[in-house]
Amino acid sequence: AIITRGGSTNYADFVKGRFTISRDNAKNSVYLQMNS
């Protein structure tokens, strides 16, 4: 998965609906929530 500075996201087909990418620009951090 990728996420732009503005928050737009793209996911590989094999994780769509299961994983969520997010970021916190103030912390220079990115996260990946992986479910199922």
Full PDB file with SEQRES, HELIX, SHEET, SSBOND, CRYST1, ORIGX, SCALE, CONECT and MASTER records, all heavy atoms in Angstrom:
SEQRES   1 A   36  ALA ILE ILE THR ARG GLY GLY SER THR ASN TYR ALA ASP          
SEQRES   2 A   36  PHE VAL LYS GLY ARG PHE THR ILE SER ARG ASP ASN ALA          
SEQRES   3 A   36  LYS ASN SER VAL TYR LEU GLN MET ASN SER                      
HELIX    1 AA1 ASP A   13  VAL A   15  5                                   3    
HELIX    2 AA2 ASN A   25  LYS A   27  5                                   3    
SHEET    1 AA1 2 ILE A   2  ILE A   3  0                                        
SHEET    2 AA1 2 THR A   9  ASN A  10 -1                                        
SHEET    1 AA2 2 PHE A  19  ASP A  24  0                                        
SHEET    2 AA2 2 SER A  29  MET A  34 -1                                        
CRYST1    1.000    1.000    1.000  90.00  90.00  90.00 P 1           1          
ORIGX1      1.000000  0.000000  0.000000        0.00000                         
ORIGX2      0.000000  1.000000  0.000000        0.00000                         
ORIGX3      0.000000  0.000000  1.000000        0.00000                         
SCALE1      1.000000  0.000000  0.000000        0.00000                         
SCALE2      0.000000  1.000000  0.000000        0.00000                         
SCALE3      0.000000  0.000000  1.000000        0.00000                         
ATOM      1  N   ALA A   1       0.838  -1.195   0.000  1.00  0.00           N  
ATOM      2  CA  ALA A   1       0.000   0.000   0.000  1.00  0.00           C  
ATOM      3  C   ALA A   1       0.872   1.244   0.000  1.00  0.00           C  
ATOM      4  O   ALA A   1       1.992   1.226   0.514  1.00  0.00           O  
ATOM      5  CB  ALA A   1      -0.927   0.026   1.218  1.00  0.00           C  
ATOM      6  N   ILE A   2       0.365   2.321  -0.585  1.00  0.00           N  
ATOM      7  CA  ILE A   2       1.047   3.605  -0.556  1.00  0.00           C  
ATOM      8  C   ILE A   2       0.053   4.694  -0.175  1.00  0.00           C  
ATOM      9  O   ILE A   2      -1.155   4.545  -0.367  1.00  0.00           O  
ATOM     10  CB  ILE A   2       1.713   3.964  -1.906  1.00  0.00           C  
ATOM     11  CG1 ILE A   2       0.687   3.949  -3.042  1.00  0.00           C  
ATOM     12  CG2 ILE A   2       2.869   3.019  -2.204  1.00  0.00           C  
ATOM     13  CD1 ILE A   2       1.227   4.473  -4.355  1.00  0.00           C  
ATOM     14  N   ILE A   3       0.581   5.781   0.358  1.00  0.00           N  
ATOM     15  CA  ILE A   3      -0.249   6.915   0.734  1.00  0.00           C  
ATOM     16  C   ILE A   3       0.514   8.202   0.451  1.00  0.00           C  
ATOM     17  O   ILE A   3       1.695   8.325   0.779  1.00  0.00           O  
ATOM     18  CB  ILE A   3      -0.681   6.821   2.216  1.00  0.00           C  
ATOM     19  CG1 ILE A   3      -1.628   7.964   2.588  1.00  0.00           C  
ATOM     20  CG2 ILE A   3       0.530   6.761   3.143  1.00  0.00           C  
ATOM     21  CD1 ILE A   3      -2.318   7.759   3.934  1.00  0.00           C  
ATOM     22  N   THR A   4      -0.147   9.153  -0.181  1.00  0.00           N  
ATOM     23  CA  THR A   4       0.474  10.437  -0.481  1.00  0.00           C  
ATOM     24  C   THR A   4       0.446  11.335   0.742  1.00  0.00           C  
ATOM     25  O   THR A   4      -0.221  11.049   1.740  1.00  0.00           O  
ATOM     26  CB  THR A   4      -0.239  11.146  -1.639  1.00  0.00           C  
ATOM     27  OG1 THR A   4      -1.546  11.552  -1.210  1.00  0.00           O  
ATOM     28  CG2 THR A   4      -0.351  10.239  -2.855  1.00  0.00           C  
ATOM     29  N   ARG A   5       1.161  12.448   0.659  1.00  0.00           N  
ATOM     30  CA  ARG A   5       1.173  13.384   1.759  1.00  0.00           C  
ATOM     31  C   ARG A   5      -0.235  13.920   2.037  1.00  0.00           C  
ATOM     32  O   ARG A   5      -0.579  14.199   3.190  1.00  0.00           O  
ATOM     33  CB  ARG A   5       2.123  14.547   1.465  1.00  0.00           C  
ATOM     34  CG  ARG A   5       2.261  15.520   2.620  1.00  0.00           C  
ATOM     35  CD  ARG A   5       3.356  16.543   2.377  1.00  0.00           C  
ATOM     36  NE  ARG A   5       3.484  17.452   3.506  1.00  0.00           N  
ATOM     37  CZ  ARG A   5       4.161  17.175   4.613  1.00  0.00           C  
ATOM     38  NH1 ARG A   5       4.797  16.012   4.739  1.00  0.00           N  
ATOM     39  NH2 ARG A   5       4.223  18.065   5.601  1.00  0.00           N  
ATOM     40  N   GLY A   6      -1.037  14.034   0.993  1.00  0.00           N  
ATOM     41  CA  GLY A   6      -2.398  14.516   1.142  1.00  0.00           C  
ATOM     42  C   GLY A   6      -3.393  13.468   1.576  1.00  0.00           C  
ATOM     43  O   GLY A   6      -4.555  13.792   1.826  1.00  0.00           O  
ATOM     44  N   GLY A   7      -2.971  12.206   1.650  1.00  0.00           N  
ATOM     45  CA  GLY A   7      -3.834  11.159   2.157  1.00  0.00           C  
ATOM     46  C   GLY A   7      -4.468  10.246   1.127  1.00  0.00           C  
ATOM     47  O   GLY A   7      -5.252   9.365   1.499  1.00  0.00           O  
ATOM     48  N   SER A   8      -4.160  10.417  -0.149  1.00  0.00           N  
ATOM     49  CA  SER A   8      -4.673   9.502  -1.160  1.00  0.00           C  
ATOM     50  C   SER A   8      -3.974   8.157  -1.038  1.00  0.00           C  
ATOM     51  O   SER A   8      -2.767   8.100  -0.813  1.00  0.00           O  
ATOM     52  CB  SER A   8      -4.461  10.063  -2.561  1.00  0.00           C  
ATOM     53  OG  SER A   8      -5.189  11.266  -2.734  1.00  0.00           O  
ATOM     54  N   THR A   9      -4.722   7.081  -1.211  1.00  0.00           N  
ATOM     55  CA  THR A   9      -4.172   5.745  -0.996  1.00  0.00           C  
ATOM     56  C   THR A   9      -4.344   4.846  -2.203  1.00  0.00           C  
ATOM     57  O   THR A   9      -5.245   5.024  -3.015  1.00  0.00           O  
ATOM     58  CB  THR A   9      -4.834   5.065   0.209  1.00  0.00           C  
ATOM     59  OG1 THR A   9      -6.250   4.960  -0.017  1.00  0.00           O  
ATOM     60  CG2 THR A   9      -4.594   5.868   1.482  1.00  0.00           C  
ATOM     61  N   ASN A  10      -3.468   3.876  -2.304  1.00  0.00           N  
ATOM     62  CA  ASN A  10      -3.563   2.802  -3.282  1.00  0.00           C  
ATOM     63  C   ASN A  10      -3.149   1.507  -2.612  1.00  0.00           C  
ATOM     64  O   ASN A  10      -2.205   1.487  -1.831  1.00  0.00           O  
ATOM     65  CB  ASN A  10      -2.669   3.070  -4.492  1.00  0.00           C  
ATOM     66  CG  ASN A  10      -3.229   4.127  -5.413  1.00  0.00           C  
ATOM     67  OD1 ASN A  10      -4.217   3.901  -6.091  1.00  0.00           O  
ATOM     68  ND2 ASN A  10      -2.600   5.292  -5.432  1.00  0.00           N  
ATOM     69  N   TYR A  11      -3.857   0.430  -2.942  1.00  0.00           N  
ATOM     70  CA  TYR A  11      -3.611  -0.860  -2.332  1.00  0.00           C  
ATOM     71  C   TYR A  11      -3.408  -1.934  -3.381  1.00  0.00           C  
ATOM     72  O   TYR A  11      -4.018  -1.906  -4.446  1.00  0.00           O  
ATOM     73  CB  TYR A  11      -4.781  -1.284  -1.458  1.00  0.00           C  
ATOM     74  CG  TYR A  11      -5.048  -0.400  -0.270  1.00  0.00           C  
ATOM     75  CD1 TYR A  11      -5.919   0.670  -0.362  1.00  0.00           C  
ATOM     76  CD2 TYR A  11      -4.430  -0.653   0.954  1.00  0.00           C  
ATOM     77  CE1 TYR A  11      -6.173   1.483   0.736  1.00  0.00           C  
ATOM     78  CE2 TYR A  11      -4.678   0.150   2.054  1.00  0.00           C  
ATOM     79  CZ  TYR A  11      -5.545   1.215   1.942  1.00  0.00           C  
ATOM     80  OH  TYR A  11      -5.794   2.014   3.036  1.00  0.00           O  
ATOM     81  N   ALA A  12      -2.571  -2.893  -3.053  1.00  0.00           N  
ATOM     82  CA  ALA A  12      -2.487  -4.093  -3.863  1.00  0.00           C  
ATOM     83  C   ALA A  12      -3.805  -4.848  -3.750  1.00  0.00           C  
ATOM     84  O   ALA A  12      -4.462  -4.824  -2.703  1.00  0.00           O  
ATOM     85  CB  ALA A  12      -1.340  -4.977  -3.391  1.00  0.00           C  
ATOM     86  N   ASP A  13      -4.196  -5.525  -4.823  1.00  0.00           N  
ATOM     87  CA  ASP A  13      -5.476  -6.225  -4.829  1.00  0.00           C  
ATOM     88  C   ASP A  13      -5.588  -7.256  -3.712  1.00  0.00           C  
ATOM     89  O   ASP A  13      -6.676  -7.471  -3.162  1.00  0.00           O  
ATOM     90  CB  ASP A  13      -5.699  -6.902  -6.182  1.00  0.00           C  
ATOM     91  CG  ASP A  13      -6.029  -5.916  -7.285  1.00  0.00           C  
ATOM     92  OD1 ASP A  13      -6.415  -4.773  -6.977  1.00  0.00           O  
ATOM     93  OD2 ASP A  13      -5.905  -6.294  -8.464  1.00  0.00           O  
ATOM     94  N   PHE A  14      -4.493  -7.881  -3.365  1.00  0.00           N  
ATOM     95  CA  PHE A  14      -4.554  -8.964  -2.389  1.00  0.00           C  
ATOM     96  C   PHE A  14      -4.761  -8.501  -0.957  1.00  0.00           C  
ATOM     97  O   PHE A  14      -4.946  -9.331  -0.064  1.00  0.00           O  
ATOM     98  CB  PHE A  14      -3.299  -9.858  -2.491  1.00  0.00           C  
ATOM     99  CG  PHE A  14      -1.990  -9.135  -2.367  1.00  0.00           C  
ATOM    100  CD1 PHE A  14      -1.483  -8.788  -1.131  1.00  0.00           C  
ATOM    101  CD2 PHE A  14      -1.256  -8.826  -3.503  1.00  0.00           C  
ATOM    102  CE1 PHE A  14      -0.267  -8.132  -1.013  1.00  0.00           C  
ATOM    103  CE2 PHE A  14      -0.031  -8.163  -3.396  1.00  0.00           C  
ATOM    104  CZ  PHE A  14       0.452  -7.819  -2.150  1.00  0.00           C  
ATOM    105  N   VAL A  15      -4.755  -7.179  -0.713  1.00  0.00           N  
ATOM    106  CA  VAL A  15      -5.005  -6.675   0.638  1.00  0.00           C  
ATOM    107  C   VAL A  15      -6.219  -5.765   0.728  1.00  0.00           C  
ATOM    108  O   VAL A  15      -6.592  -5.358   1.837  1.00  0.00           O  
ATOM    109  CB  VAL A  15      -3.780  -5.951   1.227  1.00  0.00           C  
ATOM    110  CG1 VAL A  15      -2.570  -6.875   1.250  1.00  0.00           C  
ATOM    111  CG2 VAL A  15      -3.484  -4.667   0.459  1.00  0.00           C  
ATOM    112  N   LYS A  16      -6.841  -5.460  -0.389  1.00  0.00           N  
ATOM    113  CA  LYS A  16      -7.997  -4.573  -0.382  1.00  0.00           C  
ATOM    114  C   LYS A  16      -9.112  -5.134   0.497  1.00  0.00           C  
ATOM    115  O   LYS A  16      -9.462  -6.300   0.409  1.00  0.00           O  
ATOM    116  CB  LYS A  16      -8.526  -4.353  -1.801  1.00  0.00           C  
ATOM    117  CG  LYS A  16      -7.666  -3.422  -2.628  1.00  0.00           C  
ATOM    118  CD  LYS A  16      -8.277  -3.176  -3.998  1.00  0.00           C  
ATOM    119  CE  LYS A  16      -7.454  -2.188  -4.799  1.00  0.00           C  
ATOM    120  NZ  LYS A  16      -8.023  -1.953  -6.144  1.00  0.00           N  
ATOM    121  N   GLY A  17      -9.646  -4.281   1.351  1.00  0.00           N  
ATOM    122  CA  GLY A  17     -10.695  -4.687   2.258  1.00  0.00           C  
ATOM    123  C   GLY A  17     -10.195  -5.283   3.551  1.00  0.00           C  
ATOM    124  O   GLY A  17     -10.985  -5.514   4.475  1.00  0.00           O  
ATOM    125  N   ARG A  18      -8.893  -5.533   3.640  1.00  0.00           N  
ATOM    126  CA  ARG A  18      -8.314  -6.120   4.848  1.00  0.00           C  
ATOM    127  C   ARG A  18      -7.307  -5.199   5.528  1.00  0.00           C  
ATOM    128  O   ARG A  18      -7.239  -5.153   6.755  1.00  0.00           O  
ATOM    129  CB  ARG A  18      -7.624  -7.449   4.524  1.00  0.00           C  
ATOM    130  CG  ARG A  18      -8.555  -8.511   3.955  1.00  0.00           C  
ATOM    131  CD  ARG A  18      -7.866  -9.871   3.887  1.00  0.00           C  
ATOM    132  NE  ARG A  18      -6.702  -9.849   3.010  1.00  0.00           N  
ATOM    133  CZ  ARG A  18      -5.477 -10.232   3.381  1.00  0.00           C  
ATOM    134  NH1 ARG A  18      -5.259 -10.665   4.613  1.00  0.00           N  
ATOM    135  NH2 ARG A  18      -4.481 -10.202   2.505  1.00  0.00           N  
ATOM    136  N   PHE A  19      -6.517  -4.484   4.729  1.00  0.00           N  
ATOM    137  CA  PHE A  19      -5.474  -3.614   5.272  1.00  0.00           C  
ATOM    138  C   PHE A  19      -5.850  -2.154   5.072  1.00  0.00           C  
ATOM    139  O   PHE A  19      -6.513  -1.787   4.097  1.00  0.00           O  
ATOM    140  CB  PHE A  19      -4.135  -3.851   4.560  1.00  0.00           C  
ATOM    141  CG  PHE A  19      -3.511  -5.199   4.804  1.00  0.00           C  
ATOM    142  CD1 PHE A  19      -4.166  -6.203   5.496  1.00  0.00           C  
ATOM    143  CD2 PHE A  19      -2.232  -5.455   4.324  1.00  0.00           C  
ATOM    144  CE1 PHE A  19      -3.576  -7.443   5.712  1.00  0.00           C  
ATOM    145  CE2 PHE A  19      -1.629  -6.687   4.531  1.00  0.00           C  
ATOM    146  CZ  PHE A  19      -2.303  -7.680   5.224  1.00  0.00           C  
ATOM    147  N   THR A  20      -5.389  -1.307   5.982  1.00  0.00           N  
ATOM    148  CA  THR A  20      -5.594   0.128   5.875  1.00  0.00           C  
ATOM    149  C   THR A  20      -4.297   0.858   6.174  1.00  0.00           C  
ATOM    150  O   THR A  20      -3.687   0.644   7.219  1.00  0.00           O  
ATOM    151  CB  THR A  20      -6.680   0.620   6.849  1.00  0.00           C  
ATOM    152  OG1 THR A  20      -7.912  -0.069   6.602  1.00  0.00           O  
ATOM    153  CG2 THR A  20      -6.915   2.117   6.668  1.00  0.00           C  
ATOM    154  N   ILE A  21      -3.884   1.715   5.246  1.00  0.00           N  
ATOM    155  CA  ILE A  21      -2.687   2.520   5.448  1.00  0.00           C  
ATOM    156  C   ILE A  21      -3.107   3.921   5.886  1.00  0.00           C  
ATOM    157  O   ILE A  21      -4.116   4.451   5.419  1.00  0.00           O  
ATOM    158  CB  ILE A  21      -1.817   2.568   4.176  1.00  0.00           C  
ATOM    159  CG1 ILE A  21      -0.474   3.243   4.465  1.00  0.00           C  
ATOM    160  CG2 ILE A  21      -2.535   3.256   3.027  1.00  0.00           C  
ATOM    161  CD1 ILE A  21       0.534   3.125   3.319  1.00  0.00           C  
ATOM    162  N   SER A  22      -2.342   4.510   6.785  1.00  0.00           N  
ATOM    163  CA  SER A  22      -2.609   5.859   7.249  1.00  0.00           C  
ATOM    164  C   SER A  22      -1.283   6.526   7.602  1.00  0.00           C  
ATOM    165  O   SER A  22      -0.250   5.871   7.676  1.00  0.00           O  
ATOM    166  CB  SER A  22      -3.557   5.857   8.457  1.00  0.00           C  
ATOM    167  OG  SER A  22      -2.999   5.140   9.543  1.00  0.00           O  
ATOM    168  N   ARG A  23      -1.325   7.835   7.819  1.00  0.00           N  
ATOM    169  CA  ARG A  23      -0.097   8.542   8.170  1.00  0.00           C  
ATOM    170  C   ARG A  23      -0.395   9.719   9.079  1.00  0.00           C  
ATOM    171  O   ARG A  23      -1.512  10.226   9.134  1.00  0.00           O  
ATOM    172  CB  ARG A  23       0.644   9.011   6.913  1.00  0.00           C  
ATOM    173  CG  ARG A  23      -0.068  10.080   6.099  1.00  0.00           C  
ATOM    174  CD  ARG A  23       0.625  10.301   4.755  1.00  0.00           C  
ATOM    175  NE  ARG A  23       1.919  10.960   4.901  1.00  0.00           N  
ATOM    176  CZ  ARG A  23       2.810  11.088   3.917  1.00  0.00           C  
ATOM    177  NH1 ARG A  23       2.548  10.573   2.717  1.00  0.00           N  
ATOM    178  NH2 ARG A  23       3.962  11.715   4.133  1.00  0.00           N  
ATOM    179  N   ASP A  24       0.639  10.139   9.778  1.00  0.00           N  
ATOM    180  CA  ASP A  24       0.583  11.306  10.639  1.00  0.00           C  
ATOM    181  C   ASP A  24       1.765  12.177  10.243  1.00  0.00           C  
ATOM    182  O   ASP A  24       2.906  11.902  10.628  1.00  0.00           O  
ATOM    183  CB  ASP A  24       0.656  10.906  12.107  1.00  0.00           C  
ATOM    184  CG  ASP A  24       0.481  12.080  13.048  1.00  0.00           C  
ATOM    185  OD1 ASP A  24       0.715  13.231  12.642  1.00  0.00           O  
ATOM    186  OD2 ASP A  24       0.101  11.852  14.217  1.00  0.00           O  
ATOM    187  N   ASN A  25       1.506  13.201   9.455  1.00  0.00           N  
ATOM    188  CA  ASN A  25       2.588  14.034   8.940  1.00  0.00           C  
ATOM    189  C   ASN A  25       3.343  14.779  10.036  1.00  0.00           C  
ATOM    190  O   ASN A  25       4.538  15.028   9.907  1.00  0.00           O  
ATOM    191  CB  ASN A  25       2.041  15.031   7.916  1.00  0.00           C  
ATOM    192  CG  ASN A  25       1.551  14.357   6.654  1.00  0.00           C  
ATOM    193  OD1 ASN A  25       1.990  13.259   6.308  1.00  0.00           O  
ATOM    194  ND2 ASN A  25       0.640  15.019   5.946  1.00  0.00           N  
ATOM    195  N   ALA A  26       2.652  15.136  11.101  1.00  0.00           N  
ATOM    196  CA  ALA A  26       3.296  15.832  12.207  1.00  0.00           C  
ATOM    197  C   ALA A  26       4.333  14.957  12.894  1.00  0.00           C  
ATOM    198  O   ALA A  26       5.301  15.461  13.461  1.00  0.00           O  
ATOM    199  CB  ALA A  26       2.258  16.311  13.220  1.00  0.00           C  
ATOM    200  N   LYS A  27       4.129  13.644  12.839  1.00  0.00           N  
ATOM    201  CA  LYS A  27       5.051  12.697  13.463  1.00  0.00           C  
ATOM    202  C   LYS A  27       5.973  12.022  12.458  1.00  0.00           C  
ATOM    203  O   LYS A  27       6.781  11.177  12.843  1.00  0.00           O  
ATOM    204  CB  LYS A  27       4.275  11.626  14.231  1.00  0.00           C  
ATOM    205  CG  LYS A  27       3.463  12.153  15.396  1.00  0.00           C  
ATOM    206  CD  LYS A  27       2.744  11.022  16.101  1.00  0.00           C  
ATOM    207  CE  LYS A  27       1.953  11.528  17.290  1.00  0.00           C  
ATOM    208  NZ  LYS A  27       1.235  10.434  17.978  1.00  0.00           N  
ATOM    209  N   ASN A  28       5.848  12.371  11.184  1.00  0.00           N  
ATOM    210  CA  ASN A  28       6.627  11.713  10.135  1.00  0.00           C  
ATOM    211  C   ASN A  28       6.465  10.194  10.203  1.00  0.00           C  
ATOM    212  O   ASN A  28       7.433   9.444  10.084  1.00  0.00           O  
ATOM    213  CB  ASN A  28       8.106  12.081  10.234  1.00  0.00           C  
ATOM    214  CG  ASN A  28       8.494  13.207   9.289  1.00  0.00           C  
ATOM    215  OD1 ASN A  28       7.651  13.989   8.856  1.00  0.00           O  
ATOM    216  ND2 ASN A  28       9.778  13.292   8.981  1.00  0.00           N  
ATOM    217  N   SER A  29       5.228   9.756  10.395  1.00  0.00           N  
ATOM    218  CA  SER A  29       4.963   8.338  10.597  1.00  0.00           C  
ATOM    219  C   SER A  29       3.908   7.811   9.633  1.00  0.00           C  
ATOM    220  O   SER A  29       3.038   8.545   9.174  1.00  0.00           O  
ATOM    221  CB  SER A  29       4.503   8.076  12.027  1.00  0.00           C  
ATOM    222  OG  SER A  29       5.514   8.415  12.958  1.00  0.00           O  
ATOM    223  N   VAL A  30       4.005   6.520   9.358  1.00  0.00           N  
ATOM    224  CA  VAL A  30       3.018   5.830   8.542  1.00  0.00           C  
ATOM    225  C   VAL A  30       2.666   4.525   9.239  1.00  0.00           C  
ATOM    226  O   VAL A  30       3.500   3.926   9.920  1.00  0.00           O  
ATOM    227  CB  VAL A  30       3.542   5.591   7.104  1.00  0.00           C  
ATOM    228  CG1 VAL A  30       4.760   4.670   7.114  1.00  0.00           C  
ATOM    229  CG2 VAL A  30       2.443   5.038   6.214  1.00  0.00           C  
ATOM    230  N   TYR A  31       1.415   4.086   9.057  1.00  0.00           N  
ATOM    231  CA  TYR A  31       0.918   2.925   9.764  1.00  0.00           C  
ATOM    232  C   TYR A  31       0.235   1.973   8.791  1.00  0.00           C  
ATOM    233  O   TYR A  31      -0.243   2.372   7.735  1.00  0.00           O  
ATOM    234  CB  TYR A  31      -0.084   3.333  10.846  1.00  0.00           C  
ATOM    235  CG  TYR A  31       0.418   4.433  11.734  1.00  0.00           C  
ATOM    236  CD1 TYR A  31       0.137   5.764  11.445  1.00  0.00           C  
ATOM    237  CD2 TYR A  31       1.192   4.152  12.851  1.00  0.00           C  
ATOM    238  CE1 TYR A  31       0.613   6.784  12.247  1.00  0.00           C  
ATOM    239  CE2 TYR A  31       1.670   5.162  13.660  1.00  0.00           C  
ATOM    240  CZ  TYR A  31       1.380   6.476  13.360  1.00  0.00           C  
ATOM    241  OH  TYR A  31       1.853   7.484  14.163  1.00  0.00           O  
ATOM    242  N   LEU A  32       0.181   0.715   9.168  1.00  0.00           N  
ATOM    243  CA  LEU A  32      -0.539  -0.274   8.382  1.00  0.00           C  
ATOM    244  C   LEU A  32      -1.337  -1.156   9.329  1.00  0.00           C  
ATOM    245  O   LEU A  32      -0.756  -1.944  10.076  1.00  0.00           O  
ATOM    246  CB  LEU A  32       0.416  -1.135   7.551  1.00  0.00           C  
ATOM    247  CG  LEU A  32      -0.255  -2.121   6.594  1.00  0.00           C  
ATOM    248  CD1 LEU A  32      -0.958  -1.372   5.459  1.00  0.00           C  
ATOM    249  CD2 LEU A  32       0.773  -3.100   6.021  1.00  0.00           C  
ATOM    250  N   GLN A  33      -2.649  -0.997   9.306  1.00  0.00           N  
ATOM    251  CA  GLN A  33      -3.534  -1.853  10.079  1.00  0.00           C  
ATOM    252  C   GLN A  33      -3.866  -3.068   9.236  1.00  0.00           C  
ATOM    253  O   GLN A  33      -4.413  -2.939   8.143  1.00  0.00           O  
ATOM    254  CB  GLN A  33      -4.817  -1.108  10.455  1.00  0.00           C  
ATOM    255  CG  GLN A  33      -5.825  -1.946  11.226  1.00  0.00           C  
ATOM    256  CD  GLN A  33      -5.330  -2.344  12.593  1.00  0.00           C  
ATOM    257  OE1 GLN A  33      -4.797  -1.504  13.321  1.00  0.00           O  
ATOM    258  NE2 GLN A  33      -5.486  -3.611  12.949  1.00  0.00           N  
ATOM    259  N   MET A  34      -3.539  -4.243   9.730  1.00  0.00           N  
ATOM    260  CA  MET A  34      -3.739  -5.482   9.000  1.00  0.00           C  
ATOM    261  C   MET A  34      -4.759  -6.339   9.734  1.00  0.00           C  
ATOM    262  O   MET A  34      -4.529  -6.753  10.867  1.00  0.00           O  
ATOM    263  CB  MET A  34      -2.418  -6.241   8.842  1.00  0.00           C  
ATOM    264  CG  MET A  34      -1.320  -5.428   8.174  1.00  0.00           C  
ATOM    265  SD  MET A  34       0.174  -6.404   7.874  1.00  0.00           S  
ATOM    266  CE  MET A  34       0.688  -6.712   9.576  1.00  0.00           C  
ATOM    267  N   ASN A  35      -5.878  -6.593   9.080  1.00  0.00           N  
ATOM    268  CA  ASN A  35      -6.937  -7.420   9.637  1.00  0.00           C  
ATOM    269  C   ASN A  35      -7.133  -8.664   8.776  1.00  0.00           C  
ATOM    270  O   ASN A  35      -6.707  -8.717   7.632  1.00  0.00           O  
ATOM    271  CB  ASN A  35      -8.251  -6.639   9.718  1.00  0.00           C  
ATOM    272  CG  ASN A  35      -8.167  -5.422  10.595  1.00  0.00           C  
ATOM    273  OD1 ASN A  35      -7.499  -5.424  11.628  1.00  0.00           O  
ATOM    274  ND2 ASN A  35      -8.870  -4.360  10.200  1.00  0.00           N  
ATOM    275  N   SER A  36      -7.816  -9.640   9.336  1.00  0.00           N  
ATOM    276  CA  SER A  36      -8.121 -10.883   8.618  1.00  0.00           C  
ATOM    277  C   SER A  36      -6.876 -11.473   7.972  1.00  0.00           C  
ATOM    278  O   SER A  36      -6.880 -11.857   6.801  1.00  0.00           O  
ATOM    279  CB  SER A  36      -9.205 -10.632   7.565  1.00  0.00           C  
ATOM    280  OG  SER A  36     -10.379 -10.122   8.147  1.00  0.00           O  
TER     281      SER A  36                                                      
MASTER        0    0    0    2    4    0    0    6  280    1    0    3          
END                                                                             
